[in-house]
C-alpha atoms as a PDB file:
ATOM      1  CA  MET A   1      43.705  55.659 129.327  1.00  0.00           C
ATOM      2  CA  ILE A   2      44.387  59.193 128.504  1.00  0.00           C
ATOM      3  CA  LYS A   3      47.654  60.212 127.164  1.00  0.00           C
ATOM      4  CA  GLU A   4      48.977  63.596 128.403  1.00  0.00           C
ATOM      5  CA  GLY A   5      49.679  66.166 125.220  1.00  0.00           C
ATOM      6  CA  PHE A   6      53.446  66.815 124.199  1.00  0.00           C
ATOM      7  CA  MET A   7      54.304  70.168 125.779  1.00  0.00           C
ATOM      8  CA  MET A   8      57.276  72.318 124.746  1.00  0.00           C
ATOM      9  CA  SER A   9      59.211  74.191 126.763  1.00  0.00           C
ATOM     10  CA  ASP A  10      60.064  78.205 125.558  1.00  0.00           C
ATOM     11  CA  SER A  11      63.411  77.572 124.736  1.00  0.00           C
ATOM     12  CA  MET A  12      62.252  74.547 122.450  1.00  0.00           C
ATOM     13  CA  GLU A  13      59.805  76.762 120.813  1.00  0.00           C
ATOM     14  CA  ILE A  14      62.428  79.473 120.099  1.00  0.00           C
ATOM     15  CA  CYS A  15      64.670  77.136 118.586  1.00  0.00           C
ATOM     16  CA  ILE A  16      61.950  75.793 116.367  1.00  0.00           C
ATOM     17  CA  ILE A  17      61.245  79.380 115.118  1.00  0.00           C
ATOM     18  CA  ILE A  18      64.647  80.172 114.585  1.00  0.00           C
ATOM     19  CA  ILE A  19      65.231  76.936 112.511  1.00  0.00           C
ATOM     20  CA  LEU A  20      62.151  77.967 110.307  1.00  0.00           C
ATOM     21  CA  CYS A  21      63.260  81.255 109.673  1.00  0.00           C
ATOM     22  CA  VAL A  22      66.489  80.049 108.662  1.00  0.00           C
ATOM     23  CA  ILE A  23      64.957  77.472 106.205  1.00  0.00           C
ATOM     24  CA  GLY A  24      62.454  80.543 105.275  1.00  0.00           C
ATOM     25  CA  PHE A  25      65.447  82.884 104.441  1.00  0.00           C
ATOM     26  CA  SER A  26      67.372  80.274 102.444  1.00  0.00           C
ATOM     27  CA  PHE A  27      64.638  80.237 100.027  1.00  0.00           C
ATOM     28  CA  ILE A  28      64.593  84.146  99.426  1.00  0.00           C
ATOM     29  CA  PRO A  29      67.422  84.281  97.309  1.00  0.00           C
ATOM     30  CA  GLY A  30      66.146  81.744  94.884  1.00  0.00           C
ATOM     31  CA  CYS A  31      63.116  83.843  94.751  1.00  0.00           C
ATOM     32  CA  VAL A  32      64.836  87.008  94.185  1.00  0.00           C
ATOM     33  CA  ASN A  33      67.201  85.780  91.463  1.00  0.00           C
ATOM     34  CA  GLN A  34      64.267  84.316  89.744  1.00  0.00           C
ATOM     35  CA  HIS A  35      63.516  87.609  88.006  1.00  0.00           C
ATOM     36  CA  PRO A  36      66.845  89.426  87.887  1.00  0.00           C
ATOM     37  CA  GLY A  37      65.416  92.252  85.618  1.00  0.00           C
ATOM     38  CA  GLN A  38      62.982  93.137  88.327  1.00  0.00           C
ATOM     39  CA  THR A  39      64.900  92.479  91.582  1.00  0.00           C
ATOM     40  CA  SER A  40      68.437  92.816  91.239  1.00  0.00           C
ATOM     41  CA  VAL A  41      70.856  95.802  90.813  1.00  0.00           C
ATOM     42  CA  LYS A  42      72.762  95.684  87.433  1.00  0.00           C
ATOM     43  CA  ILE A  43      76.280  96.836  87.804  1.00  0.00           C
ATOM     44  CA  VAL A  44      77.797  98.222  84.727  1.00  0.00           C
ATOM     45  CA  ILE A  45      81.668  97.701  84.489  1.00  0.00           C
ATOM     46  CA  PRO A  46      83.425 100.508  82.739  1.00  0.00           C
ATOM     47  CA  PRO A  47      85.587  99.585  79.737  1.00  0.00           C
ATOM     48  CA  ASP A  48      89.147 100.061  79.774  1.00  0.00           C
ATOM     49  CA  PRO A  49      89.973 103.957  80.503  1.00  0.00           C
ATOM     50  CA  GLU A  50      92.608 103.357  77.617  1.00  0.00           C
ATOM     51  CA  SER A  51      89.504 103.978  75.306  1.00  0.00           C
ATOM     52  CA  GLY A  52      89.155 107.411  76.558  1.00  0.00           C
ATOM     53  CA  ILE A  53      92.525 108.237  75.449  1.00  0.00           C
ATOM     54  CA  HIS A  54      91.882 106.709  71.791  1.00  0.00           C
ATOM     55  CA  HIS A  55      88.739 108.881  71.592  1.00  0.00           C
ATOM     56  CA  TRP A  56      90.925 111.642  72.558  1.00  0.00           C
ATOM     57  CA  ILE A  57      93.279 111.151  70.123  1.00  0.00           C
ATOM     58  CA  ASN A  58      90.706 110.897  67.360  1.00  0.00           C
ATOM     59  CA  ALA A  59      89.396 114.232  68.166  1.00  0.00           C
ATOM     60  CA  ILE A  60      92.947 115.886  68.243  1.00  0.00           C
ATOM     61  CA  ASN A  61      93.452 114.326  64.818  1.00  0.00           C
ATOM     62  CA  ASN A  62      90.319 115.355  63.273  1.00  0.00           C
ATOM     63  CA  LYS A  63      90.965 118.923  64.981  1.00  0.00           C
ATOM     64  CA  ASN A  64      87.356 118.582  66.542  1.00  0.00           C
ATOM     65  CA  VAL A  65      87.360 120.634  69.464  1.00  0.00           C
ATOM     66  CA  SER A  66      83.603 120.277  70.161  1.00  0.00           C
ATOM     67  CA  ARG A  67      84.275 116.713  70.623  1.00  0.00           C
ATOM     68  CA  LEU A  68      87.388 117.455  72.898  1.00  0.00           C
ATOM     69  CA  TYR A  69      84.946 119.508  74.852  1.00  0.00           C
ATOM     70  CA  ASP A  70      82.346 116.785  74.857  1.00  0.00           C
ATOM     71  CA  LEU A  71      85.243 114.334  76.382  1.00  0.00           C
ATOM     72  CA  THR A  72      85.795 116.708  79.014  1.00  0.00           C
ATOM     73  CA  PRO A  73      84.933 115.690  82.605  1.00  0.00           C
ATOM     74  CA  ALA A  74      81.646 117.331  84.213  1.00  0.00           C
ATOM     75  CA  VAL A  75      83.853 119.002  86.902  1.00  0.00           C
ATOM     76  CA  ILE A  76      85.737 121.216  84.242  1.00  0.00           C
ATOM     77  CA  LYS A  77      82.485 121.659  82.068  1.00  0.00           C
ATOM     78  CA  LYS A  78      81.003 123.441  85.112  1.00  0.00           C
ATOM     79  CA  GLN A  79      83.939 125.990  85.164  1.00  0.00           C
ATOM     80  CA  VAL A  80      84.396 126.731  81.213  1.00  0.00           C
ATOM     81  CA  THR A  81      81.607 127.012  78.461  1.00  0.00           C
ATOM     82  CA  GLU A  82      82.032 125.354  74.999  1.00  0.00           C
ATOM     83  CA  GLU A  83      82.533 128.601  73.518  1.00  0.00           C
ATOM     84  CA  GLN A  84      85.342 129.673  76.285  1.00  0.00           C
ATOM     85  CA  PHE A  85      86.944 126.152  75.630  1.00  0.00           C
ATOM     86  CA  LYS A  86      87.244 126.932  71.907  1.00  0.00           C
ATOM     87  CA  LEU A  87      88.663 130.097  72.334  1.00  0.00           C
ATOM     88  CA  ASP A  88      91.221 128.920  74.997  1.00  0.00           C
ATOM     89  CA  ASN A  89      92.237 126.434  72.134  1.00  0.00           C
ATOM     90  CA  GLN A  90      92.362 128.633  69.215  1.00  0.00           C
ATOM     91  CA  ASP A  91      96.317 128.865  69.667  1.00  0.00           C
ATOM     92  CA  ASN A  92      96.804 125.171  70.874  1.00  0.00           C
ATOM     93  CA  LEU A  93      99.931 123.581  68.859  1.00  0.00           C
ATOM     94  CA  ILE A  94      98.497 120.191  68.777  1.00  0.00           C
ATOM     95  CA  LEU A  95      95.234 121.428  67.040  1.00  0.00           C
ATOM     96  CA  LYS A  96      97.374 122.899  64.164  1.00  0.00           C
ATOM     97  CA  PRO A  97      97.217 121.276  60.731  1.00  0.00           C
ATOM     98  CA  GLY A  98     100.219 119.021  59.950  1.00  0.00           C
ATOM     99  CA  LEU A  99     100.387 117.551  63.485  1.00  0.00           C
ATOM    100  CA  THR A 100      98.432 114.304  64.472  1.00  0.00           C
ATOM    101  CA  PHE A 101      99.062 111.422  66.999  1.00  0.00           C
ATOM    102  CA  LYS A 102      99.653 107.892  66.381  1.00  0.00           C
ATOM    103  CA  GLN A 103      96.758 105.688  67.565  1.00  0.00           C
ATOM    104  CA  GLU A 104      99.005 103.300  69.692  1.00  0.00           C
ATOM    105  CA  PHE A 105     100.792 104.541  72.764  1.00  0.00           C
ATOM    106  CA  THR A 106     102.844 103.396  75.648  1.00  0.00           C
ATOM    107  CA  GLU A 107     101.385 103.229  78.650  1.00  0.00           C
ATOM    108  CA  ILE A 108     104.048 104.082  81.462  1.00  0.00           C
ATOM    109  CA  THR A 109     101.529 103.804  84.545  1.00  0.00           C
ATOM    110  CA  GLU A 110      97.843 103.490  85.594  1.00  0.00           C
ATOM    111  CA  SER A 111      95.897 103.784  88.520  1.00  0.00           C
ATOM    112  CA  VAL A 112      92.236 103.096  88.253  1.00  0.00           C
ATOM    113  CA  THR A 113      89.804 103.675  91.344  1.00  0.00           C
ATOM    114  CA  GLY A 114      86.181 102.943  90.609  1.00  0.00           C
ATOM    115  CA  ALA A 115      85.172 105.400  88.054  1.00  0.00           C
ATOM    116  CA  ASN A 116      88.536 107.418  88.062  1.00  0.00           C
ATOM    117  CA  ALA A 117      91.923 106.828  86.284  1.00  0.00           C
ATOM    118  CA  THR A 118      95.140 108.244  86.047  1.00  0.00           C
ATOM    119  CA  ILE A 119      97.214 107.064  83.155  1.00  0.00           C
ATOM    120  CA  LYS A 120     100.934 108.613  82.259  1.00  0.00           C
ATOM    121  CA  ALA A 121     101.467 107.693  78.733  1.00  0.00           C
ATOM    122  CA  GLN A 122     104.107 108.358  75.880  1.00  0.00           C
ATOM    123  CA  LEU A 123     102.452 109.395  72.611  1.00  0.00           C
ATOM    124  CA  ILE A 124     104.159 109.817  69.169  1.00  0.00           C
ATOM    125  CA  LEU A 125     103.261 113.235  67.676  1.00  0.00           C
ATOM    126  CA  GLN A 126     103.596 113.217  64.078  1.00  0.00           C
ATOM    127  CA  ASN A 127     104.805 116.239  62.239  1.00  0.00           C
ATOM    128  CA  LEU A 128     104.318 116.505  58.397  1.00  0.00           C
ATOM    129  CA  ASN A 129     107.261 118.821  57.146  1.00  0.00           C
ATOM    130  CA  LYS A 130     105.515 120.582  54.132  1.00  0.00           C
ATOM    131  CA  GLY A 131     108.635 121.482  52.531  1.00  0.00           C
ATOM    132  CA  ASN A 132     109.919 117.872  51.955  1.00  0.00           C
ATOM    133  CA  GLU A 133     106.813 116.036  52.717  1.00  0.00           C
ATOM    134  CA  SER A 134     108.774 113.768  55.151  1.00  0.00           C
ATOM    135  CA  MET A 135     107.075 112.891  58.593  1.00  0.00           C
ATOM    136  CA  SER A 136     108.920 113.521  61.691  1.00  0.00           C
ATOM    137  CA  GLU A 137     107.958 111.651  64.940  1.00  0.00           C
ATOM    138  CA  ILE A 138     108.308 113.260  68.439  1.00  0.00           C
ATOM    139  CA  PRO A 139     107.786 111.493  71.708  1.00  0.00           C
ATOM    140  CA  VAL A 140     105.662 113.376  74.173  1.00  0.00           C
ATOM    141  CA  GLN A 141     104.430 112.117  77.590  1.00  0.00           C
ATOM    142  CA  TYR A 142     100.803 113.073  78.727  1.00  0.00           C
ATOM    143  CA  VAL A 143      99.251 112.315  82.211  1.00  0.00           C
ATOM    144  CA  PHE A 144      95.651 111.614  81.638  1.00  0.00           C
ATOM    145  CA  TYR A 145      92.864 112.166  84.527  1.00  0.00           C
ATOM    146  CA  LEU A 146      90.066 110.211  83.352  1.00  0.00           C
ATOM    147  CA  SER A 147      86.469 109.594  84.926  1.00  0.00           C
ATOM    148  CA  TYR A 148      83.652 107.503  83.910  1.00  0.00           C
ATOM    149  CA  GLU A 149      80.538 109.550  83.152  1.00  0.00           C
ATOM    150  CA  ASN A 150      77.317 108.887  81.077  1.00  0.00           C
ATOM    151  CA  GLY A 151      78.998 105.706  79.631  1.00  0.00           C
ATOM    152  CA  GLU A 152      82.345 106.810  78.152  1.00  0.00           C
ATOM    153  CA  TRP A 153      85.318 107.947  79.884  1.00  0.00           C
ATOM    154  CA  LYS A 154      85.994 111.441  79.946  1.00  0.00           C
ATOM    155  CA  VAL A 155      89.535 112.939  79.778  1.00  0.00           C
ATOM    156  CA  TRP A 156      91.519 115.671  81.095  1.00  0.00           C
ATOM    157  CA  THR A 157      95.126 116.148  80.499  1.00  0.00           C
END
């Protein structure tokens, strides 16, 4: 007695192919994640934009105009050379001796969108009165426009 072979219908063959594909695709993520350094994209989350303001304050307090230029966003650097930037800041009041900012500041508002941020902050400007060697403190508000470029927050006020 000869038994007839099992015959699949076209729709059953398609269902089996789909099931095999689903099973096959479920193994792919495991294969990709086995070697994350070779197959995955590493997303670097920038540090808080406030770090850019701290770098800016340090540059101001050290009267380091080259560092201020370095902290300037690329879009500004395309418009102004470092030499011109230095000339433009020769009479900048906050770069005069005796004036410094406290490192701490009060954030009023912050808006971060991807690699760009806007922070309105109140800083304390300290003025050393040379006559009586006293220190006066003046609260000032700045709006900082920051963009994350080349591993650090660039600052424009």
